[in-house]
Amino acid sequence: MLDLLSLRAVAVLSETLNFREAAARLNMTQPALTVRLKRLEDLLGVTLFDRSRRGVAISPAGLSLMPAIQRVLSEASCLEHEAQRVAEGTRGRLRIGYTPISFMAAAPLWIRRFAAAFPAVELNLVELLSSEVETALVSGDVDLGFLHPPFEERGLEALALPSERYVIVLPADDPLSQAASLPFNALADRDLVLPARSVGPHLFARILALCEASGFTPRIRQEVPTSNAVLGLVAAGHGAGIVIGACASLARTDLGFVPIEGAAPELPFALAWRSRPLSPLDERFINHIREEIQ
């Protein structure tokens, strides 16, 4: 069976044409080199070197095979280099799930910086709802996920990320849209467009609790699956909405974003993964995000 050390021995001996010098470069004894080359010649069925009193010369067969030997050694060297990069977590494929709203915050910038630092990593990004990211993590369909605690699935670990405060969004022509801030009870006499209870049950419950604490029962006109849908319906005049402050970065001229006075609700974020031995690439990405949030 061919082995790389024997092929390297042929390559080194073809350069030195001296068994003693070649053995020294290969860090083996001269007899061991002689035995290794003889076994390789027997395996290939050709004589690679002609030995005589005048010295060592590469044979015609050796000359013919040398390009192929060098090619194999070069490919092996490339393989060793790539394997080292995989072991260091600087090469490979990383499947990342994310929620639409998480990509309105800082996650895209963090991912872009990681991609710039490690261009040999293939990043596959998959948009899902938070519960779907959890399911994909547990099933192994994604390696890591940007999502929103608390988790419903067991067996997940997470790195907490900075949370986002919610703000009130109003049509730009609403007089209150230019306010520096508003109390939560400013929504008491308005129809509301809210993220659906089924999508974010914990947030939905907290908004209802804040309405009750502010002395009113919310007039929910419509529940929608995404923050983009909230923005669209508010712009269409369907009421006021509650979205994270990062949505203001969309710079929509038809909407106004107003901070909430006092204890505004917040949306927690996390980078999560399934509890398992992490790959070097998983660990490198997690450490990158940890450094980003410090």
C-alpha atoms as a PDB file:
ATOM      1  CA  MET A   1       0.000   0.000   0.000  1.00  0.00           C
ATOM      2  CA  LEU A   2       1.313   3.426  -0.951  1.00  0.00           C
ATOM      3  CA  ASP A   3       2.150   5.795   1.882  1.00  0.00           C
ATOM      4  CA  LEU A   4       3.182   9.428   1.848  1.00  0.00           C
ATOM      5  CA  LEU A   5       6.426   8.905   3.751  1.00  0.00           C
ATOM      6  CA  SER A   6       7.699   6.525   1.069  1.00  0.00           C
ATOM      7  CA  LEU A   7       6.778   9.015  -1.659  1.00  0.00           C
ATOM      8  CA  ARG A   8       8.532  11.793   0.265  1.00  0.00           C
ATOM      9  CA  ALA A   9      11.574   9.524   0.533  1.00  0.00           C
ATOM     10  CA  VAL A  10      11.629   9.150  -3.244  1.00  0.00           C
ATOM     11  CA  ALA A  11      11.319  12.911  -3.729  1.00  0.00           C
ATOM     12  CA  VAL A  12      14.113  13.714  -1.250  1.00  0.00           C
ATOM     13  CA  LEU A  13      16.464  11.065  -2.636  1.00  0.00           C
ATOM     14  CA  SER A  14      15.844  12.332  -6.167  1.00  0.00           C
ATOM     15  CA  GLU A  15      17.090  15.749  -4.996  1.00  0.00           C
ATOM     16  CA  THR A  16      20.099  14.589  -3.010  1.00  0.00           C
ATOM     17  CA  LEU A  17      21.038  11.377  -4.853  1.00  0.00           C
ATOM     18  CA  ASN A  18      22.698  10.446  -1.569  1.00  0.00           C
ATOM     19  CA  PHE A  19      21.183   7.917   0.853  1.00  0.00           C
ATOM     20  CA  ARG A  20      22.941   9.291   3.918  1.00  0.00           C
ATOM     21  CA  GLU A  21      21.882  12.902   3.250  1.00  0.00           C
ATOM     22  CA  ALA A  22      18.348  11.873   2.328  1.00  0.00           C
ATOM     23  CA  ALA A  23      17.995   9.758   5.485  1.00  0.00           C
ATOM     24  CA  ALA A  24      19.132  12.689   7.603  1.00  0.00           C
ATOM     25  CA  ARG A  25      16.588  15.033   5.976  1.00  0.00           C
ATOM     26  CA  LEU A  26      13.860  12.455   6.509  1.00  0.00           C
ATOM     27  CA  ASN A  27      14.932  11.898  10.126  1.00  0.00           C
ATOM     28  CA  MET A  28      15.414   8.145   9.660  1.00  0.00           C
ATOM     29  CA  THR A  29      18.349   5.761   9.488  1.00  0.00           C
ATOM     30  CA  GLN A  30      19.952   4.909   6.184  1.00  0.00           C
ATOM     31  CA  PRO A  31      19.005   1.193   6.433  1.00  0.00           C
ATOM     32  CA  ALA A  32      15.378   2.172   7.151  1.00  0.00           C
ATOM     33  CA  LEU A  33      15.372   4.382   4.062  1.00  0.00           C
ATOM     34  CA  THR A  34      16.815   1.587   1.951  1.00  0.00           C
ATOM     35  CA  VAL A  35      14.159  -0.870   3.155  1.00  0.00           C
ATOM     36  CA  ARG A  36      11.337   1.645   2.575  1.00  0.00           C
ATOM     37  CA  LEU A  37      12.419   2.365  -0.989  1.00  0.00           C
ATOM     38  CA  LYS A  38      12.843  -1.338  -1.781  1.00  0.00           C
ATOM     39  CA  ARG A  39       9.293  -2.050  -0.575  1.00  0.00           C
ATOM     40  CA  LEU A  40       7.938   0.795  -2.697  1.00  0.00           C
ATOM     41  CA  GLU A  41       9.798  -0.431  -5.770  1.00  0.00           C
ATOM     42  CA  ASP A  42       8.441  -3.939  -5.188  1.00  0.00           C
ATOM     43  CA  LEU A  43       4.932  -2.550  -4.820  1.00  0.00           C
ATOM     44  CA  LEU A  44       5.159  -0.480  -8.007  1.00  0.00           C
ATOM     45  CA  GLY A  45       7.022  -3.155  -9.930  1.00  0.00           C
ATOM     46  CA  VAL A  46       9.697  -0.764 -11.159  1.00  0.00           C
ATOM     47  CA  THR A  47      13.184   0.316 -10.165  1.00  0.00           C
ATOM     48  CA  LEU A  48      13.167   3.942  -9.123  1.00  0.00           C
ATOM     49  CA  PHE A  49      16.890   4.415  -8.537  1.00  0.00           C
ATOM     50  CA  ASP A  50      19.966   2.843 -10.094  1.00  0.00           C
ATOM     51  CA  ARG A  51      22.663   2.095  -7.517  1.00  0.00           C
ATOM     52  CA  SER A  52      26.287   1.573  -8.524  1.00  0.00           C
ATOM     53  CA  ARG A  53      29.782   2.181  -7.213  1.00  0.00           C
ATOM     54  CA  ARG A  54      29.667   5.590  -8.827  1.00  0.00           C
ATOM     55  CA  GLY A  55      26.631   6.537  -6.726  1.00  0.00           C
ATOM     56  CA  VAL A  56      22.887   6.818  -7.043  1.00  0.00           C
ATOM     57  CA  ALA A  57      20.988   7.933 -10.119  1.00  0.00           C
ATOM     58  CA  ILE A  58      17.278   8.207 -10.719  1.00  0.00           C
ATOM     59  CA  SER A  59      16.118   5.553 -13.169  1.00  0.00           C
ATOM     60  CA  PRO A  60      14.112   6.182 -16.347  1.00  0.00           C
ATOM     61  CA  ALA A  61      11.067   4.778 -14.559  1.00  0.00           C
ATOM     62  CA  GLY A  62      11.737   7.092 -11.625  1.00  0.00           C
ATOM     63  CA  LEU A  63      11.955  10.076 -13.973  1.00  0.00           C
ATOM     64  CA  SER A  64       8.646   9.097 -15.569  1.00  0.00           C
ATOM     65  CA  LEU A  65       6.880   8.699 -12.221  1.00  0.00           C
ATOM     66  CA  MET A  66       8.350  11.757 -10.503  1.00  0.00           C
ATOM     67  CA  PRO A  67       5.720  14.277 -11.787  1.00  0.00           C
ATOM     68  CA  ALA A  68       2.936  12.046 -10.441  1.00  0.00           C
ATOM     69  CA  ILE A  69       4.740  11.613  -7.120  1.00  0.00           C
ATOM     70  CA  GLN A  70       5.220  15.377  -6.777  1.00  0.00           C
ATOM     71  CA  ARG A  71       1.565  15.941  -7.610  1.00  0.00           C
ATOM     72  CA  VAL A  72       0.416  13.502  -4.925  1.00  0.00           C
ATOM     73  CA  LEU A  73       2.731  15.116  -2.364  1.00  0.00           C
ATOM     74  CA  SER A  74       1.486  18.591  -3.285  1.00  0.00           C
ATOM     75  CA  GLU A  75      -2.152  17.524  -2.948  1.00  0.00           C
ATOM     76  CA  ALA A  76      -1.390  15.853   0.375  1.00  0.00           C
ATOM     77  CA  SER A  77       0.255  19.044   1.613  1.00  0.00           C
ATOM     78  CA  CYS A  78      -2.841  21.027   0.608  1.00  0.00           C
ATOM     79  CA  LEU A  79      -5.047  18.493   2.390  1.00  0.00           C
ATOM     80  CA  GLU A  80      -2.967  18.746   5.561  1.00  0.00           C
ATOM     81  CA  HIS A  81      -3.185  22.537   5.426  1.00  0.00           C
ATOM     82  CA  GLU A  82      -6.952  22.496   4.919  1.00  0.00           C
ATOM     83  CA  ALA A  83      -7.400  19.946   7.701  1.00  0.00           C
ATOM     84  CA  GLN A  84      -5.424  22.197  10.030  1.00  0.00           C
ATOM     85  CA  ARG A  85      -7.687  25.124   9.150  1.00  0.00           C
ATOM     86  CA  VAL A  86     -10.758  23.002   9.869  1.00  0.00           C
ATOM     87  CA  ALA A  87      -9.267  21.947  13.213  1.00  0.00           C
ATOM     88  CA  GLU A  88      -8.599  25.616  14.036  1.00  0.00           C
ATOM     89  CA  GLY A  89     -12.149  26.631  13.103  1.00  0.00           C
ATOM     90  CA  THR A  90     -11.071  28.881  10.230  1.00  0.00           C
ATOM     91  CA  ARG A  91     -12.548  26.763   7.433  1.00  0.00           C
ATOM     92  CA  GLY A  92     -15.792  24.874   7.012  1.00  0.00           C
ATOM     93  CA  ARG A  93     -19.527  25.431   6.743  1.00  0.00           C
ATOM     94  CA  LEU A  94     -21.657  27.067   9.407  1.00  0.00           C
ATOM     95  CA  ARG A  95     -25.459  26.933   9.245  1.00  0.00           C
ATOM     96  CA  ILE A  96     -27.049  29.802  11.178  1.00  0.00           C
ATOM     97  CA  GLY A  97     -30.740  30.239  11.823  1.00  0.00           C
ATOM     98  CA  TYR A  98     -32.073  33.702  12.598  1.00  0.00           C
ATOM     99  CA  THR A  99     -35.365  35.430  13.214  1.00  0.00           C
ATOM    100  CA  PRO A 100     -36.390  38.359  10.986  1.00  0.00           C
ATOM    101  CA  ILE A 101     -36.361  40.766  13.905  1.00  0.00           C
ATOM    102  CA  SER A 102     -32.921  39.674  15.093  1.00  0.00           C
ATOM    103  CA  PHE A 103     -31.517  40.910  11.789  1.00  0.00           C
ATOM    104  CA  MET A 104     -32.871  44.389  12.466  1.00  0.00           C
ATOM    105  CA  ALA A 105     -30.421  44.641  15.362  1.00  0.00           C
ATOM    106  CA  ALA A 106     -26.638  44.127  15.327  1.00  0.00           C
ATOM    107  CA  ALA A 107     -26.443  40.473  14.244  1.00  0.00           C
ATOM    108  CA  PRO A 108     -25.862  41.194  10.520  1.00  0.00           C
ATOM    109  CA  LEU A 109     -22.900  43.430  11.349  1.00  0.00           C
ATOM    110  CA  TRP A 110     -21.384  40.767  13.615  1.00  0.00           C
ATOM    111  CA  ILE A 111     -21.787  38.132  10.902  1.00  0.00           C
ATOM    112  CA  ARG A 112     -20.267  40.400   8.244  1.00  0.00           C
ATOM    113  CA  ARG A 113     -17.226  41.022  10.432  1.00  0.00           C
ATOM    114  CA  PHE A 114     -16.821  37.286  11.021  1.00  0.00           C
ATOM    115  CA  ALA A 115     -17.043  36.616   7.295  1.00  0.00           C
ATOM    116  CA  ALA A 116     -14.389  39.248   6.602  1.00  0.00           C
ATOM    117  CA  ALA A 117     -12.052  37.762   9.207  1.00  0.00           C
ATOM    118  CA  PHE A 118     -12.563  34.156   8.039  1.00  0.00           C
ATOM    119  CA  PRO A 119     -13.283  34.150   4.286  1.00  0.00           C
ATOM    120  CA  ALA A 120     -12.767  30.373   4.022  1.00  0.00           C
ATOM    121  CA  VAL A 121     -15.879  29.772   6.158  1.00  0.00           C
ATOM    122  CA  GLU A 122     -19.087  29.179   4.205  1.00  0.00           C
ATOM    123  CA  LEU A 123     -22.000  30.810   6.029  1.00  0.00           C
ATOM    124  CA  ASN A 124     -25.492  29.499   5.289  1.00  0.00           C
ATOM    125  CA  LEU A 125     -28.162  31.781   6.781  1.00  0.00           C
ATOM    126  CA  VAL A 126     -31.755  30.561   7.235  1.00  0.00           C
ATOM    127  CA  GLU A 127     -34.653  32.831   8.273  1.00  0.00           C
ATOM    128  CA  LEU A 128     -37.087  31.214  10.705  1.00  0.00           C
ATOM    129  CA  LEU A 129     -39.405  32.131  13.553  1.00  0.00           C
ATOM    130  CA  SER A 130     -37.843  31.852  17.011  1.00  0.00           C
ATOM    131  CA  SER A 131     -39.609  28.562  17.821  1.00  0.00           C
ATOM    132  CA  GLU A 132     -38.527  27.195  14.440  1.00  0.00           C
ATOM    133  CA  VAL A 133     -34.901  28.119  15.169  1.00  0.00           C
ATOM    134  CA  GLU A 134     -35.172  26.097  18.402  1.00  0.00           C
ATOM    135  CA  THR A 135     -36.556  23.107  16.509  1.00  0.00           C
ATOM    136  CA  ALA A 136     -33.850  23.363  13.841  1.00  0.00           C
ATOM    137  CA  LEU A 137     -31.143  23.465  16.521  1.00  0.00           C
ATOM    138  CA  VAL A 138     -32.491  20.368  18.254  1.00  0.00           C
ATOM    139  CA  SER A 139     -32.837  18.451  14.962  1.00  0.00           C
ATOM    140  CA  GLY A 140     -29.370  19.484  13.798  1.00  0.00           C
ATOM    141  CA  ASP A 141     -30.644  21.342  10.729  1.00  0.00           C
ATOM    142  CA  VAL A 142     -28.740  24.449  11.873  1.00  0.00           C
ATOM    143  CA  ASP A 143     -25.603  24.723  13.990  1.00  0.00           C
ATOM    144  CA  LEU A 144     -26.298  28.037  15.739  1.00  0.00           C
ATOM    145  CA  GLY A 145     -29.239  30.383  15.957  1.00  0.00           C
ATOM    146  CA  PHE A 146     -30.123  33.991  16.753  1.00  0.00           C
ATOM    147  CA  LEU A 147     -33.444  33.871  18.582  1.00  0.00           C
ATOM    148  CA  HIS A 148     -35.445  35.089  21.561  1.00  0.00           C
ATOM    149  CA  PRO A 149     -35.525  33.482  25.044  1.00  0.00           C
ATOM    150  CA  PRO A 150     -37.118  31.943  26.975  1.00  0.00           C
ATOM    151  CA  PHE A 151     -36.801  28.618  25.160  1.00  0.00           C
ATOM    152  CA  GLU A 152     -39.471  25.985  24.794  1.00  0.00           C
ATOM    153  CA  GLU A 153     -37.101  23.215  23.692  1.00  0.00           C
ATOM    154  CA  ARG A 154     -34.804  21.424  26.125  1.00  0.00           C
ATOM    155  CA  GLY A 155     -31.135  20.772  25.547  1.00  0.00           C
ATOM    156  CA  LEU A 156     -30.164  24.241  24.358  1.00  0.00           C
ATOM    157  CA  GLU A 157     -27.333  26.446  25.582  1.00  0.00           C
ATOM    158  CA  ALA A 158     -27.107  30.131  24.869  1.00  0.00           C
ATOM    159  CA  LEU A 159     -25.044  33.290  24.972  1.00  0.00           C
ATOM    160  CA  ALA A 160     -27.208  36.220  26.077  1.00  0.00           C
ATOM    161  CA  LEU A 161     -27.078  39.200  23.704  1.00  0.00           C
ATOM    162  CA  PRO A 162     -28.090  42.809  24.387  1.00  0.00           C
ATOM    163  CA  SER A 163     -31.860  43.141  24.475  1.00  0.00           C
ATOM    164  CA  GLU A 164     -33.804  45.710  22.420  1.00  0.00           C
ATOM    165  CA  ARG A 165     -36.277  48.141  23.957  1.00  0.00           C
ATOM    166  CA  TYR A 166     -39.664  48.419  22.306  1.00  0.00           C
ATOM    167  CA  VAL A 167     -40.936  51.744  21.020  1.00  0.00           C
ATOM    168  CA  ILE A 168     -44.293  53.020  19.829  1.00  0.00           C
ATOM    169  CA  VAL A 169     -44.660  53.369  16.062  1.00  0.00           C
ATOM    170  CA  LEU A 170     -47.233  55.758  14.623  1.00  0.00           C
ATOM    171  CA  PRO A 171     -48.047  57.128  11.172  1.00  0.00           C
ATOM    172  CA  ALA A 172     -45.778  60.085  10.420  1.00  0.00           C
ATOM    173  CA  ASP A 173     -48.757  62.452  10.149  1.00  0.00           C
ATOM    174  CA  ASP A 174     -49.968  61.569  13.662  1.00  0.00           C
ATOM    175  CA  PRO A 175     -49.268  64.549  15.981  1.00  0.00           C
ATOM    176  CA  LEU A 176     -47.848  62.240  18.654  1.00  0.00           C
ATOM    177  CA  SER A 177     -45.272  60.747  16.234  1.00  0.00           C
ATOM    178  CA  GLN A 178     -42.970  63.718  16.880  1.00  0.00           C
ATOM    179  CA  ALA A 179     -43.050  63.404  20.692  1.00  0.00           C
ATOM    180  CA  ALA A 180     -39.727  62.936  22.509  1.00  0.00           C
ATOM    181  CA  SER A 181     -41.347  60.078  24.457  1.00  0.00           C
ATOM    182  CA  LEU A 182     -44.781  58.793  25.373  1.00  0.00           C
ATOM    183  CA  PRO A 183     -46.274  57.030  28.405  1.00  0.00           C
ATOM    184  CA  PHE A 184     -47.674  53.612  27.687  1.00  0.00           C
ATOM    185  CA  ASN A 185     -51.217  54.793  28.373  1.00  0.00           C
ATOM    186  CA  ALA A 186     -50.967  57.051  25.320  1.00  0.00           C
ATOM    187  CA  LEU A 187     -52.110  53.933  23.481  1.00  0.00           C
ATOM    188  CA  ALA A 188     -55.328  53.663  25.513  1.00  0.00           C
ATOM    189  CA  ASP A 189     -57.600  55.210  22.884  1.00  0.00           C
ATOM    190  CA  ARG A 190     -55.921  53.742  19.814  1.00  0.00           C
ATOM    191  CA  ASP A 191     -56.265  50.557  17.824  1.00  0.00           C
ATOM    192  CA  LEU A 192     -53.148  48.405  18.128  1.00  0.00           C
ATOM    193  CA  VAL A 193     -51.288  46.209  15.685  1.00  0.00           C
ATOM    194  CA  LEU A 194     -49.235  43.721  17.689  1.00  0.00           C
ATOM    195  CA  PRO A 195     -46.848  40.827  17.048  1.00  0.00           C
ATOM    196  CA  ALA A 196     -49.042  37.727  17.216  1.00  0.00           C
ATOM    197  CA  ARG A 197     -49.482  35.868  20.490  1.00  0.00           C
ATOM    198  CA  SER A 198     -48.591  32.623  18.672  1.00  0.00           C
ATOM    199  CA  VAL A 199     -45.259  34.077  17.488  1.00  0.00           C
ATOM    200  CA  GLY A 200     -44.166  35.728  20.726  1.00  0.00           C
ATOM    201  CA  PRO A 201     -46.386  34.587  23.607  1.00  0.00           C
ATOM    202  CA  HIS A 202     -44.134  35.955  26.361  1.00  0.00           C
ATOM    203  CA  LEU A 203     -43.876  39.412  24.774  1.00  0.00           C
ATOM    204  CA  PHE A 204     -47.607  39.453  24.028  1.00  0.00           C
ATOM    205  CA  ALA A 205     -48.394  38.652  27.656  1.00  0.00           C
ATOM    206  CA  ARG A 206     -46.037  41.403  28.865  1.00  0.00           C
ATOM    207  CA  ILE A 207     -47.658  44.004  26.611  1.00  0.00           C
ATOM    208  CA  LEU A 208     -51.095  43.057  27.955  1.00  0.00           C
ATOM    209  CA  ALA A 209     -49.765  43.320  31.513  1.00  0.00           C
ATOM    210  CA  LEU A 210     -48.326  46.785  30.826  1.00  0.00           C
ATOM    211  CA  CYS A 211     -51.642  47.908  29.361  1.00  0.00           C
ATOM    212  CA  GLU A 212     -53.447  46.669  32.479  1.00  0.00           C
ATOM    213  CA  ALA A 213     -50.872  48.328  34.757  1.00  0.00           C
ATOM    214  CA  SER A 214     -51.363  51.569  32.785  1.00  0.00           C
ATOM    215  CA  GLY A 215     -55.125  51.424  33.403  1.00  0.00           C
ATOM    216  CA  PHE A 216     -56.579  50.321  30.088  1.00  0.00           C
ATOM    217  CA  THR A 217     -57.589  47.296  28.067  1.00  0.00           C
ATOM    218  CA  PRO A 218     -55.889  47.278  24.659  1.00  0.00           C
ATOM    219  CA  ARG A 219     -57.962  47.570  21.501  1.00  0.00           C
ATOM    220  CA  ILE A 220     -56.148  45.003  19.376  1.00  0.00           C
ATOM    221  CA  ARG A 221     -57.148  45.482  15.761  1.00  0.00           C
ATOM    222  CA  GLN A 222     -54.868  42.873  14.304  1.00  0.00           C
ATOM    223  CA  GLU A 223     -52.135  40.405  15.265  1.00  0.00           C
ATOM    224  CA  VAL A 224     -49.405  39.857  12.663  1.00  0.00           C
ATOM    225  CA  PRO A 225     -46.424  37.473  12.401  1.00  0.00           C
ATOM    226  CA  THR A 226     -43.578  39.966  11.865  1.00  0.00           C
ATOM    227  CA  SER A 227     -42.440  43.462  12.780  1.00  0.00           C
ATOM    228  CA  ASN A 228     -42.396  44.349   9.080  1.00  0.00           C
ATOM    229  CA  ALA A 229     -46.100  43.558   9.005  1.00  0.00           C
ATOM    230  CA  VAL A 230     -46.646  45.832  12.029  1.00  0.00           C
ATOM    231  CA  LEU A 231     -44.869  48.669  10.228  1.00  0.00           C
ATOM    232  CA  GLY A 232     -46.872  48.146   7.053  1.00  0.00           C
ATOM    233  CA  LEU A 233     -50.242  48.135   8.786  1.00  0.00           C
ATOM    234  CA  VAL A 234     -49.407  51.185  10.906  1.00  0.00           C
ATOM    235  CA  ALA A 235     -48.325  53.041   7.761  1.00  0.00           C
ATOM    236  CA  ALA A 236     -51.659  51.999   6.203  1.00  0.00           C
ATOM    237  CA  GLY A 237     -53.536  53.667   9.073  1.00  0.00           C
ATOM    238  CA  HIS A 238     -54.595  50.537  10.955  1.00  0.00           C
ATOM    239  CA  GLY A 239     -53.526  51.926  14.334  1.00  0.00           C
ATOM    240  CA  ALA A 240     -50.404  52.202  16.449  1.00  0.00           C
ATOM    241  CA  GLY A 241     -47.809  49.499  16.856  1.00  0.00           C
ATOM    242  CA  ILE A 242     -45.045  48.347  19.161  1.00  0.00           C
ATOM    243  CA  VAL A 243     -41.710  47.359  17.606  1.00  0.00           C
ATOM    244  CA  ILE A 244     -38.086  47.273  18.729  1.00  0.00           C
ATOM    245  CA  GLY A 245     -36.160  50.513  18.471  1.00  0.00           C
ATOM    246  CA  ALA A 246     -33.841  49.057  15.831  1.00  0.00           C
ATOM    247  CA  CYS A 247     -36.727  49.253  13.351  1.00  0.00           C
ATOM    248  CA  ALA A 248     -36.179  53.009  13.268  1.00  0.00           C
ATOM    249  CA  SER A 249     -32.947  52.327  11.361  1.00  0.00           C
ATOM    250  CA  LEU A 250     -35.117  51.481   8.342  1.00  0.00           C
ATOM    251  CA  ALA A 251     -35.598  55.261   8.000  1.00  0.00           C
ATOM    252  CA  ARG A 252     -39.179  55.078   6.762  1.00  0.00           C
ATOM    253  CA  THR A 253     -40.515  58.571   6.163  1.00  0.00           C
ATOM    254  CA  ASP A 254     -44.130  57.416   6.587  1.00  0.00           C
ATOM    255  CA  LEU A 255     -43.612  56.357  10.197  1.00  0.00           C
ATOM    256  CA  GLY A 256     -42.563  57.903  13.482  1.00  0.00           C
ATOM    257  CA  PHE A 257     -40.831  55.943  16.269  1.00  0.00           C
ATOM    258  CA  VAL A 258     -41.323  57.207  19.815  1.00  0.00           C
ATOM    259  CA  PRO A 259     -39.571  55.891  22.963  1.00  0.00           C
ATOM    260  CA  ILE A 260     -41.804  54.612  25.768  1.00  0.00           C
ATOM    261  CA  GLU A 261     -41.480  56.350  29.135  1.00  0.00           C
ATOM    262  CA  GLY A 262     -40.611  54.261  32.167  1.00  0.00           C
ATOM    263  CA  ALA A 263     -40.365  50.476  32.084  1.00  0.00           C
ATOM    264  CA  ALA A 264     -40.686  49.820  28.378  1.00  0.00           C
ATOM    265  CA  PRO A 265     -40.929  46.184  27.331  1.00  0.00           C
ATOM    266  CA  GLU A 266     -37.731  44.658  25.964  1.00  0.00           C
ATOM    267  CA  LEU A 267     -37.114  41.853  23.513  1.00  0.00           C
ATOM    268  CA  PRO A 268     -34.365  39.491  24.711  1.00  0.00           C
ATOM    269  CA  PHE A 269     -31.888  38.112  22.204  1.00  0.00           C
ATOM    270  CA  ALA A 270     -29.551  35.136  22.384  1.00  0.00           C
ATOM    271  CA  LEU A 271     -27.200  33.091  20.276  1.00  0.00           C
ATOM    272  CA  ALA A 272     -28.134  29.466  20.962  1.00  0.00           C
ATOM    273  CA  TRP A 273     -26.829  26.003  20.121  1.00  0.00           C
ATOM    274  CA  ARG A 274     -27.672  22.403  20.914  1.00  0.00           C
ATOM    275  CA  SER A 275     -25.911  20.961  23.967  1.00  0.00           C
ATOM    276  CA  ARG A 276     -23.207  18.812  22.406  1.00  0.00           C
ATOM    277  CA  PRO A 277     -19.439  18.823  21.869  1.00  0.00           C
ATOM    278  CA  LEU A 278     -18.944  21.935  19.772  1.00  0.00           C
ATOM    279  CA  SER A 279     -16.856  21.958  16.620  1.00  0.00           C
ATOM    280  CA  PRO A 280     -13.867  24.334  16.467  1.00  0.00           C
ATOM    281  CA  LEU A 281     -15.845  26.437  13.980  1.00  0.00           C
ATOM    282  CA  ASP A 282     -18.859  26.651  16.323  1.00  0.00           C
ATOM    283  CA  GLU A 283     -16.588  27.743  19.165  1.00  0.00           C
ATOM    284  CA  ARG A 284     -14.828  30.323  17.010  1.00  0.00           C
ATOM    285  CA  PHE A 285     -18.124  31.924  15.964  1.00  0.00           C
ATOM    286  CA  ILE A 286     -19.486  31.928  19.521  1.00  0.00           C
ATOM    287  CA  ASN A 287     -16.268  33.537  20.791  1.00  0.00           C
ATOM    288  CA  HIS A 288     -16.465  36.102  17.988  1.00  0.00           C
ATOM    289  CA  ILE A 289     -19.978  37.117  19.071  1.00  0.00           C
ATOM    290  CA  ARG A 290     -18.885  37.144  22.723  1.00  0.00           C
ATOM    291  CA  GLU A 291     -16.115  39.623  21.826  1.00  0.00           C
ATOM    292  CA  GLU A 292     -18.557  41.742  19.797  1.00  0.00           C
ATOM    293  CA  ILE A 293     -20.882  42.285  22.752  1.00  0.00           C
ATOM    294  CA  GLN A 294     -18.194  43.041  25.331  1.00  0.00           C
END
